[in-house]
Amino acid sequence: MIVTGDIAEIRQIREKEMWSTWGLVPTMGYLHEGHLSLVRRANEENGFTAVTIFVNPTQFAPTEDLSSYPRNLERDLALLAAEGVDLVFTPTDATMYPPDFQTAVTVGAVSKPLEGASRPTHFQGVATVVAKLFNIMQPTRAYFGQKDAQQTVVLRQMVRDLNFNVEMIICPTVREADGLAMSSRNAYLTPEQRQAATVLYRALTAVQHAYTQGERDANRLRQIMTSTVAAEPLARLDYASAAHPLTLQELEQVESSVLFSLAVFFGKTRLIDNMLMV
């Protein structure tokens, strides 16, 4: 497994294997089973697999958890080596954003609601760094998790609009045994908060049940999620959404498919989850 933070070396490696298929798994490190499931899918579908580990500063607001974001590069590399990854890109902030850096990628309407409303600068940072990674790595396919549902919509829009020659592969959310979606930020939770955090999955399964029983009024569906979270004393709801899966606009009446999503605080830790009904 080659580990490098050098863009020129990445390009030399890619040039040697230019006729091979490459799967890319972009991460911010502190890997868990959700990340590794993406790696395994990439291994199955490509001749080579590359992973990036970069805690991207431009997607964090000044009040967010950039300095405390969990990091363990040695452990991450051991996990990736065990999975048979071919290449790991570990750039520094200065490599990705040199002192004279002036360019950003902004995606329009689909970046505005939900996470965009709560974290206004987030998706510009995400789109910019992923665009750079696509240009550096030149992957055949790129793998992302459904847990970050809006991110997948934003990045698919960027890929279409800017004509990136990459196939976007969206993989199912990987969950703990009690339903909590795997996330690096779960490490912030106290034992009591960790137990309370199952309320996200309970809210989603409650609204899924109502939907499968025929409820189509989006306001009532949102209220099911809201009331479920409100019943958990350690949880503070940021938003509960029943939106169109492609436009992410809130629905009044569900006609066909719907993306249920929510963001919830446990102390200072903010977790997200979603469920797509098609």
C-alpha atoms as a PDB file:
ATOM      1  CA  MET A   1       0.000   0.000   0.000  1.00  0.00           C
ATOM      2  CA  ILE A   2       1.435   3.356  -1.064  1.00  0.00           C
ATOM      3  CA  VAL A   3       0.867   6.266   1.335  1.00  0.00           C
ATOM      4  CA  THR A   4       1.688   9.752   0.118  1.00  0.00           C
ATOM      5  CA  GLY A   5       0.689  13.355   0.557  1.00  0.00           C
ATOM      6  CA  ASP A   6       2.365  14.450  -2.656  1.00  0.00           C
ATOM      7  CA  ILE A   7       0.166  15.374  -5.620  1.00  0.00           C
ATOM      8  CA  ALA A   8       2.950  14.826  -8.173  1.00  0.00           C
ATOM      9  CA  GLU A   9       3.487  11.279  -6.883  1.00  0.00           C
ATOM     10  CA  ILE A  10      -0.252  10.562  -7.134  1.00  0.00           C
ATOM     11  CA  ARG A  11      -0.215  11.676 -10.753  1.00  0.00           C
ATOM     12  CA  GLN A  12       2.812   9.519 -11.556  1.00  0.00           C
ATOM     13  CA  ILE A  13       1.061   6.484 -10.088  1.00  0.00           C
ATOM     14  CA  ARG A  14      -2.112   7.195 -12.028  1.00  0.00           C
ATOM     15  CA  GLU A  15      -0.188   7.684 -15.260  1.00  0.00           C
ATOM     16  CA  LYS A  16       1.404   4.246 -14.883  1.00  0.00           C
ATOM     17  CA  GLU A  17      -2.044   2.682 -14.480  1.00  0.00           C
ATOM     18  CA  MET A  18      -4.007   4.987 -16.741  1.00  0.00           C
ATOM     19  CA  TRP A  19      -5.892   2.128 -18.420  1.00  0.00           C
ATOM     20  CA  SER A  20      -6.995   0.577 -15.125  1.00  0.00           C
ATOM     21  CA  THR A  21     -10.191   1.335 -13.236  1.00  0.00           C
ATOM     22  CA  TRP A  22      -9.774   3.216  -9.983  1.00  0.00           C
ATOM     23  CA  GLY A  23     -12.255   3.455  -7.133  1.00  0.00           C
ATOM     24  CA  LEU A  24     -11.925   6.431  -4.787  1.00  0.00           C
ATOM     25  CA  VAL A  25     -13.202   6.640  -1.212  1.00  0.00           C
ATOM     26  CA  PRO A  26     -12.798  10.206   0.131  1.00  0.00           C
ATOM     27  CA  THR A  27     -12.717  10.339   3.950  1.00  0.00           C
ATOM     28  CA  MET A  28     -11.746  12.599   6.822  1.00  0.00           C
ATOM     29  CA  GLY A  29     -10.189   9.641   8.620  1.00  0.00           C
ATOM     30  CA  TYR A  30     -11.004   8.113  11.996  1.00  0.00           C
ATOM     31  CA  LEU A  31     -12.360   5.230   9.988  1.00  0.00           C
ATOM     32  CA  HIS A  32     -15.209   2.952  11.021  1.00  0.00           C
ATOM     33  CA  GLU A  33     -17.126   0.093   9.462  1.00  0.00           C
ATOM     34  CA  GLY A  34     -19.120   2.507   7.300  1.00  0.00           C
ATOM     35  CA  HIS A  35     -15.952   3.704   5.590  1.00  0.00           C
ATOM     36  CA  LEU A  36     -14.634   0.169   5.257  1.00  0.00           C
ATOM     37  CA  SER A  37     -17.850  -0.957   3.575  1.00  0.00           C
ATOM     38  CA  LEU A  38     -17.177   1.673   0.890  1.00  0.00           C
ATOM     39  CA  VAL A  39     -13.609   0.414   0.527  1.00  0.00           C
ATOM     40  CA  ARG A  40     -14.815  -3.160   0.049  1.00  0.00           C
ATOM     41  CA  ARG A  41     -17.298  -2.079  -2.606  1.00  0.00           C
ATOM     42  CA  ALA A  42     -14.552  -0.148  -4.389  1.00  0.00           C
ATOM     43  CA  ASN A  43     -12.282  -3.194  -4.238  1.00  0.00           C
ATOM     44  CA  GLU A  44     -14.984  -5.361  -5.803  1.00  0.00           C
ATOM     45  CA  GLU A  45     -15.685  -3.012  -8.693  1.00  0.00           C
ATOM     46  CA  ASN A  46     -12.258  -1.651  -9.657  1.00  0.00           C
ATOM     47  CA  GLY A  47      -8.754  -2.755 -10.478  1.00  0.00           C
ATOM     48  CA  PHE A  48      -7.288  -0.360  -7.903  1.00  0.00           C
ATOM     49  CA  THR A  49      -8.672   1.349  -4.810  1.00  0.00           C
ATOM     50  CA  ALA A  50      -7.540   4.712  -3.453  1.00  0.00           C
ATOM     51  CA  VAL A  51      -8.595   6.333  -0.189  1.00  0.00           C
ATOM     52  CA  THR A  52      -8.057   9.948   0.804  1.00  0.00           C
ATOM     53  CA  ILE A  53      -7.666  10.989   4.446  1.00  0.00           C
ATOM     54  CA  PHE A  54      -7.989  14.732   4.879  1.00  0.00           C
ATOM     55  CA  VAL A  55      -9.832  16.696   7.562  1.00  0.00           C
ATOM     56  CA  ASN A  56     -10.972  19.477   5.275  1.00  0.00           C
ATOM     57  CA  PRO A  57     -10.872  22.834   7.095  1.00  0.00           C
ATOM     58  CA  THR A  58     -13.046  24.673   4.571  1.00  0.00           C
ATOM     59  CA  GLN A  59     -16.163  22.654   5.412  1.00  0.00           C
ATOM     60  CA  PHE A  60     -16.026  23.625   9.095  1.00  0.00           C
ATOM     61  CA  ALA A  61     -17.427  26.921  10.360  1.00  0.00           C
ATOM     62  CA  PRO A  62     -15.323  28.811  12.947  1.00  0.00           C
ATOM     63  CA  THR A  63     -17.681  27.617  15.708  1.00  0.00           C
ATOM     64  CA  GLU A  64     -17.477  23.948  14.677  1.00  0.00           C
ATOM     65  CA  ASP A  65     -15.259  21.077  15.758  1.00  0.00           C
ATOM     66  CA  LEU A  66     -12.282  21.228  13.373  1.00  0.00           C
ATOM     67  CA  SER A  67      -9.617  21.288  16.103  1.00  0.00           C
ATOM     68  CA  SER A  68     -11.239  18.471  18.072  1.00  0.00           C
ATOM     69  CA  TYR A  69     -12.296  16.296  15.134  1.00  0.00           C
ATOM     70  CA  PRO A  70     -11.077  12.762  15.954  1.00  0.00           C
ATOM     71  CA  ARG A  71      -7.880  11.682  14.228  1.00  0.00           C
ATOM     72  CA  ASN A  72      -5.845   8.456  14.312  1.00  0.00           C
ATOM     73  CA  LEU A  73      -3.826   8.102  11.127  1.00  0.00           C
ATOM     74  CA  GLU A  74      -1.778   5.099  12.277  1.00  0.00           C
ATOM     75  CA  ARG A  75      -4.942   3.113  13.058  1.00  0.00           C
ATOM     76  CA  ASP A  76      -6.590   4.234   9.813  1.00  0.00           C
ATOM     77  CA  LEU A  77      -3.644   3.070   7.713  1.00  0.00           C
ATOM     78  CA  ALA A  78      -3.592  -0.315   9.452  1.00  0.00           C
ATOM     79  CA  LEU A  79      -7.290  -0.795   8.691  1.00  0.00           C
ATOM     80  CA  LEU A  80      -6.821   0.168   5.043  1.00  0.00           C
ATOM     81  CA  ALA A  81      -3.812  -2.092   4.625  1.00  0.00           C
ATOM     82  CA  ALA A  82      -5.862  -4.995   5.985  1.00  0.00           C
ATOM     83  CA  GLU A  83      -8.518  -4.273   3.329  1.00  0.00           C
ATOM     84  CA  GLY A  84      -5.967  -4.355   0.514  1.00  0.00           C
ATOM     85  CA  VAL A  85      -6.139  -0.685  -0.441  1.00  0.00           C
ATOM     86  CA  ASP A  86      -3.579   0.254  -3.101  1.00  0.00           C
ATOM     87  CA  LEU A  87      -3.093   3.978  -2.515  1.00  0.00           C
ATOM     88  CA  VAL A  88      -3.787   6.398   0.352  1.00  0.00           C
ATOM     89  CA  PHE A  89      -3.553  10.151  -0.193  1.00  0.00           C
ATOM     90  CA  THR A  90      -2.827  12.071   3.025  1.00  0.00           C
ATOM     91  CA  PRO A  91      -2.278  15.712   2.049  1.00  0.00           C
ATOM     92  CA  THR A  92      -1.607  18.572   4.433  1.00  0.00           C
ATOM     93  CA  ASP A  93      -3.745  21.698   4.613  1.00  0.00           C
ATOM     94  CA  ALA A  94      -0.968  23.599   2.821  1.00  0.00           C
ATOM     95  CA  THR A  95      -0.925  21.060  -0.022  1.00  0.00           C
ATOM     96  CA  MET A  96      -4.653  21.391  -0.621  1.00  0.00           C
ATOM     97  CA  TYR A  97      -4.920  25.104   0.115  1.00  0.00           C
ATOM     98  CA  PRO A  98      -1.624  26.901  -0.551  1.00  0.00           C
ATOM     99  CA  PRO A  99      -1.296  30.514   0.628  1.00  0.00           C
ATOM    100  CA  ASP A 100      -2.487  32.011  -2.671  1.00  0.00           C
ATOM    101  CA  PHE A 101      -5.541  29.722  -2.995  1.00  0.00           C
ATOM    102  CA  GLN A 102      -8.525  31.736  -4.306  1.00  0.00           C
ATOM    103  CA  THR A 103     -11.044  29.363  -5.909  1.00  0.00           C
ATOM    104  CA  ALA A 104     -14.197  27.758  -4.543  1.00  0.00           C
ATOM    105  CA  VAL A 105     -16.938  25.567  -5.996  1.00  0.00           C
ATOM    106  CA  THR A 106     -20.470  26.646  -5.113  1.00  0.00           C
ATOM    107  CA  VAL A 107     -23.463  24.408  -5.853  1.00  0.00           C
ATOM    108  CA  GLY A 108     -26.805  26.216  -5.933  1.00  0.00           C
ATOM    109  CA  ALA A 109     -30.277  25.364  -4.736  1.00  0.00           C
ATOM    110  CA  VAL A 110     -29.684  21.817  -3.454  1.00  0.00           C
ATOM    111  CA  SER A 111     -27.017  23.081  -1.038  1.00  0.00           C
ATOM    112  CA  LYS A 112     -29.288  25.653   0.634  1.00  0.00           C
ATOM    113  CA  PRO A 113     -31.828  23.752   2.791  1.00  0.00           C
ATOM    114  CA  LEU A 114     -31.295  21.233   5.617  1.00  0.00           C
ATOM    115  CA  GLU A 115     -27.559  21.068   6.364  1.00  0.00           C
ATOM    116  CA  GLY A 116     -27.029  24.172   4.262  1.00  0.00           C
ATOM    117  CA  ALA A 117     -29.421  26.187   6.409  1.00  0.00           C
ATOM    118  CA  SER A 118     -27.709  25.082   9.617  1.00  0.00           C
ATOM    119  CA  ARG A 119     -24.151  25.170   8.211  1.00  0.00           C
ATOM    120  CA  PRO A 120     -24.135  27.835   5.451  1.00  0.00           C
ATOM    121  CA  THR A 121     -20.472  27.452   4.431  1.00  0.00           C
ATOM    122  CA  HIS A 122     -20.342  23.663   4.677  1.00  0.00           C
ATOM    123  CA  PHE A 123     -21.173  22.529   1.150  1.00  0.00           C
ATOM    124  CA  GLN A 124     -18.938  25.058  -0.565  1.00  0.00           C
ATOM    125  CA  GLY A 125     -16.077  23.492   1.384  1.00  0.00           C
ATOM    126  CA  VAL A 126     -17.233  19.973   0.536  1.00  0.00           C
ATOM    127  CA  ALA A 127     -17.704  20.683  -3.170  1.00  0.00           C
ATOM    128  CA  THR A 128     -14.353  22.453  -3.445  1.00  0.00           C
ATOM    129  CA  VAL A 129     -12.321  19.725  -1.769  1.00  0.00           C
ATOM    130  CA  VAL A 130     -14.068  16.887  -3.640  1.00  0.00           C
ATOM    131  CA  ALA A 131     -13.559  18.695  -6.954  1.00  0.00           C
ATOM    132  CA  LYS A 132      -9.852  18.953  -6.124  1.00  0.00           C
ATOM    133  CA  LEU A 133      -9.668  15.290  -5.116  1.00  0.00           C
ATOM    134  CA  PHE A 134     -11.377  14.234  -8.344  1.00  0.00           C
ATOM    135  CA  ASN A 135      -8.881  16.277 -10.358  1.00  0.00           C
ATOM    136  CA  ILE A 136      -5.895  14.928  -8.422  1.00  0.00           C
ATOM    137  CA  MET A 137      -6.947  11.276  -8.261  1.00  0.00           C
ATOM    138  CA  GLN A 138      -8.853  10.937 -11.574  1.00  0.00           C
ATOM    139  CA  PRO A 139     -11.029   8.068 -10.294  1.00  0.00           C
ATOM    140  CA  THR A 140     -13.275   5.910 -12.442  1.00  0.00           C
ATOM    141  CA  ARG A 141     -15.805   5.658  -9.615  1.00  0.00           C
ATOM    142  CA  ALA A 142     -16.207   7.496  -6.300  1.00  0.00           C
ATOM    143  CA  TYR A 143     -17.936   5.994  -3.269  1.00  0.00           C
ATOM    144  CA  PHE A 144     -20.026   7.856  -0.709  1.00  0.00           C
ATOM    145  CA  GLY A 145     -22.423   6.805   2.031  1.00  0.00           C
ATOM    146  CA  GLN A 146     -26.163   7.440   2.036  1.00  0.00           C
ATOM    147  CA  LYS A 147     -25.897   8.681   5.647  1.00  0.00           C
ATOM    148  CA  ASP A 148     -24.781  12.035   4.252  1.00  0.00           C
ATOM    149  CA  ALA A 149     -27.776  12.201   1.943  1.00  0.00           C
ATOM    150  CA  GLN A 150     -27.628  15.884   1.068  1.00  0.00           C
ATOM    151  CA  GLN A 151     -23.910  15.634   0.389  1.00  0.00           C
ATOM    152  CA  THR A 152     -24.593  12.945  -2.201  1.00  0.00           C
ATOM    153  CA  VAL A 153     -27.194  15.168  -3.904  1.00  0.00           C
ATOM    154  CA  VAL A 154     -24.864  18.176  -3.907  1.00  0.00           C
ATOM    155  CA  LEU A 155     -21.917  16.206  -5.273  1.00  0.00           C
ATOM    156  CA  ARG A 156     -23.971  14.497  -7.960  1.00  0.00           C
ATOM    157  CA  GLN A 157     -25.144  17.946  -9.055  1.00  0.00           C
ATOM    158  CA  MET A 158     -21.545  19.168  -9.178  1.00  0.00           C
ATOM    159  CA  VAL A 159     -20.441  16.133 -11.193  1.00  0.00           C
ATOM    160  CA  ARG A 160     -23.233  16.727 -13.728  1.00  0.00           C
ATOM    161  CA  ASP A 161     -22.759  20.478 -13.954  1.00  0.00           C
ATOM    162  CA  LEU A 162     -18.961  20.417 -14.273  1.00  0.00           C
ATOM    163  CA  ASN A 163     -18.785  17.275 -16.440  1.00  0.00           C
ATOM    164  CA  PHE A 164     -16.520  15.256 -14.176  1.00  0.00           C
ATOM    165  CA  ASN A 165     -15.724  11.926 -15.762  1.00  0.00           C
ATOM    166  CA  VAL A 166     -16.515   9.899 -12.643  1.00  0.00           C
ATOM    167  CA  GLU A 167     -19.328   7.543 -11.717  1.00  0.00           C
ATOM    168  CA  MET A 168     -20.885   8.338  -8.345  1.00  0.00           C
ATOM    169  CA  ILE A 169     -21.692   5.228  -6.273  1.00  0.00           C
ATOM    170  CA  ILE A 170     -23.922   5.787  -3.227  1.00  0.00           C
ATOM    171  CA  CYS A 171     -23.807   2.970  -0.687  1.00  0.00           C
ATOM    172  CA  PRO A 172     -26.256   2.106   2.133  1.00  0.00           C
ATOM    173  CA  THR A 173     -25.856   3.553   5.613  1.00  0.00           C
ATOM    174  CA  VAL A 174     -24.036   1.193   7.975  1.00  0.00           C
ATOM    175  CA  ARG A 175     -25.556   1.045  11.470  1.00  0.00           C
ATOM    176  CA  GLU A 176     -24.661  -0.163  14.917  1.00  0.00           C
ATOM    177  CA  ALA A 177     -26.692  -3.065  16.320  1.00  0.00           C
ATOM    178  CA  ASP A 178     -29.130  -0.612  17.959  1.00  0.00           C
ATOM    179  CA  GLY A 179     -29.674   1.344  14.746  1.00  0.00           C
ATOM    180  CA  LEU A 180     -27.396   4.328  15.309  1.00  0.00           C
ATOM    181  CA  ALA A 181     -25.735   5.310  12.042  1.00  0.00           C
ATOM    182  CA  MET A 182     -21.964   4.901  12.206  1.00  0.00           C
ATOM    183  CA  SER A 183     -20.201   8.251  12.357  1.00  0.00           C
ATOM    184  CA  SER A 184     -16.794   9.471  13.475  1.00  0.00           C
ATOM    185  CA  ARG A 185     -18.607  12.022  15.646  1.00  0.00           C
ATOM    186  CA  ASN A 186     -20.186   9.233  17.707  1.00  0.00           C
ATOM    187  CA  ALA A 187     -16.854   9.193  19.556  1.00  0.00           C
ATOM    188  CA  TYR A 188     -17.795  12.521  21.165  1.00  0.00           C
ATOM    189  CA  LEU A 189     -20.847  11.070  22.946  1.00  0.00           C
ATOM    190  CA  THR A 190     -20.898  10.278  26.648  1.00  0.00           C
ATOM    191  CA  PRO A 191     -22.330   6.835  27.529  1.00  0.00           C
ATOM    192  CA  GLU A 192     -25.671   8.484  28.389  1.00  0.00           C
ATOM    193  CA  GLN A 193     -25.709  10.481  25.157  1.00  0.00           C
ATOM    194  CA  ARG A 194     -24.755   7.393  23.167  1.00  0.00           C
ATOM    195  CA  GLN A 195     -27.806   5.596  24.525  1.00  0.00           C
ATOM    196  CA  ALA A 196     -30.004   8.619  23.839  1.00  0.00           C
ATOM    197  CA  ALA A 197     -28.663   8.944  20.270  1.00  0.00           C
ATOM    198  CA  THR A 198     -30.701   5.943  19.182  1.00  0.00           C
ATOM    199  CA  VAL A 199     -33.604   8.411  19.053  1.00  0.00           C
ATOM    200  CA  LEU A 200     -32.590   9.354  15.498  1.00  0.00           C
ATOM    201  CA  TYR A 201     -33.195   5.832  14.244  1.00  0.00           C
ATOM    202  CA  ARG A 202     -36.329   5.513  16.378  1.00  0.00           C
ATOM    203  CA  ALA A 203     -37.707   8.697  14.815  1.00  0.00           C
ATOM    204  CA  LEU A 204     -36.937   7.424  11.322  1.00  0.00           C
ATOM    205  CA  THR A 205     -38.471   4.005  11.917  1.00  0.00           C
ATOM    206  CA  ALA A 206     -41.561   5.672  13.404  1.00  0.00           C
ATOM    207  CA  VAL A 207     -42.039   7.869  10.353  1.00  0.00           C
ATOM    208  CA  GLN A 208     -41.292   4.932   8.049  1.00  0.00           C
ATOM    209  CA  HIS A 209     -44.046   2.949   9.765  1.00  0.00           C
ATOM    210  CA  ALA A 210     -46.531   5.803   9.310  1.00  0.00           C
ATOM    211  CA  TYR A 211     -45.546   6.124   5.660  1.00  0.00           C
ATOM    212  CA  THR A 212     -45.936   2.412   4.961  1.00  0.00           C
ATOM    213  CA  GLN A 213     -49.339   2.547   6.667  1.00  0.00           C
ATOM    214  CA  GLY A 214     -50.408   5.139   4.109  1.00  0.00           C
ATOM    215  CA  GLU A 215     -49.733   8.527   5.732  1.00  0.00           C
ATOM    216  CA  ARG A 216     -48.871  11.033   3.006  1.00  0.00           C
ATOM    217  CA  ASP A 217     -49.334  14.394   4.743  1.00  0.00           C
ATOM    218  CA  ALA A 218     -45.757  15.661   5.018  1.00  0.00           C
ATOM    219  CA  ASN A 219     -46.490  17.942   7.962  1.00  0.00           C
ATOM    220  CA  ARG A 220     -47.840  15.016   9.973  1.00  0.00           C
ATOM    221  CA  LEU A 221     -44.852  12.909   8.961  1.00  0.00           C
ATOM    222  CA  ARG A 222     -42.448  15.625  10.109  1.00  0.00           C
ATOM    223  CA  GLN A 223     -44.382  15.898  13.368  1.00  0.00           C
ATOM    224  CA  ILE A 224     -43.849  12.187  14.046  1.00  0.00           C
ATOM    225  CA  MET A 225     -40.091  12.694  13.900  1.00  0.00           C
ATOM    226  CA  THR A 226     -40.269  15.902  15.945  1.00  0.00           C
ATOM    227  CA  SER A 227     -42.355  14.375  18.732  1.00  0.00           C
ATOM    228  CA  THR A 228     -40.162  11.271  18.897  1.00  0.00           C
ATOM    229  CA  VAL A 229     -37.042  13.376  19.390  1.00  0.00           C
ATOM    230  CA  ALA A 230     -38.814  15.675  21.871  1.00  0.00           C
ATOM    231  CA  ALA A 231     -39.510  12.684  24.106  1.00  0.00           C
ATOM    232  CA  GLU A 232     -35.753  12.132  24.600  1.00  0.00           C
ATOM    233  CA  PRO A 233     -34.503  14.519  27.346  1.00  0.00           C
ATOM    234  CA  LEU A 234     -30.873  14.557  26.165  1.00  0.00           C
ATOM    235  CA  ALA A 235     -31.767  15.339  22.540  1.00  0.00           C
ATOM    236  CA  ARG A 236     -32.284  18.783  20.973  1.00  0.00           C
ATOM    237  CA  LEU A 237     -33.736  18.806  17.475  1.00  0.00           C
ATOM    238  CA  ASP A 238     -32.110  20.977  14.811  1.00  0.00           C
ATOM    239  CA  TYR A 239     -34.446  19.982  11.979  1.00  0.00           C
ATOM    240  CA  ALA A 240     -36.789  17.208  10.855  1.00  0.00           C
ATOM    241  CA  SER A 241     -37.465  17.059   7.136  1.00  0.00           C
ATOM    242  CA  ALA A 242     -39.705  15.300   4.635  1.00  0.00           C
ATOM    243  CA  ALA A 243     -38.272  16.480   1.320  1.00  0.00           C
ATOM    244  CA  HIS A 244     -38.075  15.618  -2.344  1.00  0.00           C
ATOM    245  CA  PRO A 245     -35.044  13.295  -2.752  1.00  0.00           C
ATOM    246  CA  LEU A 246     -33.580  15.218  -5.700  1.00  0.00           C
ATOM    247  CA  THR A 247     -34.486  18.877  -5.070  1.00  0.00           C
ATOM    248  CA  LEU A 248     -34.479  18.610  -1.247  1.00  0.00           C
ATOM    249  CA  GLN A 249     -37.443  20.974  -1.120  1.00  0.00           C
ATOM    250  CA  GLU A 250     -39.889  20.322   1.704  1.00  0.00           C
ATOM    251  CA  LEU A 251     -43.055  18.523   0.614  1.00  0.00           C
ATOM    252  CA  GLU A 252     -46.620  19.268   1.616  1.00  0.00           C
ATOM    253  CA  GLN A 253     -47.965  16.008   0.251  1.00  0.00           C
ATOM    254  CA  VAL A 254     -45.865  12.961  -0.569  1.00  0.00           C
ATOM    255  CA  GLU A 255     -46.749  11.880  -4.091  1.00  0.00           C
ATOM    256  CA  SER A 256     -44.097   9.210  -4.668  1.00  0.00           C
ATOM    257  CA  SER A 257     -40.631   9.175  -3.086  1.00  0.00           C
ATOM    258  CA  VAL A 258     -39.508  11.117  -0.032  1.00  0.00           C
ATOM    259  CA  LEU A 259     -36.295  11.659   1.920  1.00  0.00           C
ATOM    260  CA  PHE A 260     -36.847  11.722   5.675  1.00  0.00           C
ATOM    261  CA  SER A 261     -33.908  13.328   7.451  1.00  0.00           C
ATOM    262  CA  LEU A 262     -33.066  14.940  10.747  1.00  0.00           C
ATOM    263  CA  ALA A 263     -30.253  16.539  12.697  1.00  0.00           C
ATOM    264  CA  VAL A 264     -30.114  16.313  16.472  1.00  0.00           C
ATOM    265  CA  PHE A 265     -27.791  17.762  19.128  1.00  0.00           C
ATOM    266  CA  PHE A 266     -26.604  15.808  22.145  1.00  0.00           C
ATOM    267  CA  GLY A 267     -24.770  18.436  24.134  1.00  0.00           C
ATOM    268  CA  LYS A 268     -22.368  19.974  21.591  1.00  0.00           C
ATOM    269  CA  THR A 269     -22.377  16.887  19.361  1.00  0.00           C
ATOM    270  CA  ARG A 270     -24.594  17.100  16.285  1.00  0.00           C
ATOM    271  CA  LEU A 271     -25.642  13.898  14.518  1.00  0.00           C
ATOM    272  CA  ILE A 272     -27.557  13.405  11.270  1.00  0.00           C
ATOM    273  CA  ASP A 273     -29.441  10.492   9.774  1.00  0.00           C
ATOM    274  CA  ASN A 274     -31.968   9.828   7.035  1.00  0.00           C
ATOM    275  CA  MET A 275     -34.199   7.262   5.401  1.00  0.00           C
ATOM    276  CA  LEU A 276     -35.136   7.266   1.722  1.00  0.00           C
ATOM    277  CA  MET A 277     -38.556   5.957   0.730  1.00  0.00           C
ATOM    278  CA  VAL A 278     -39.069   5.266  -2.984  1.00  0.00           C
END
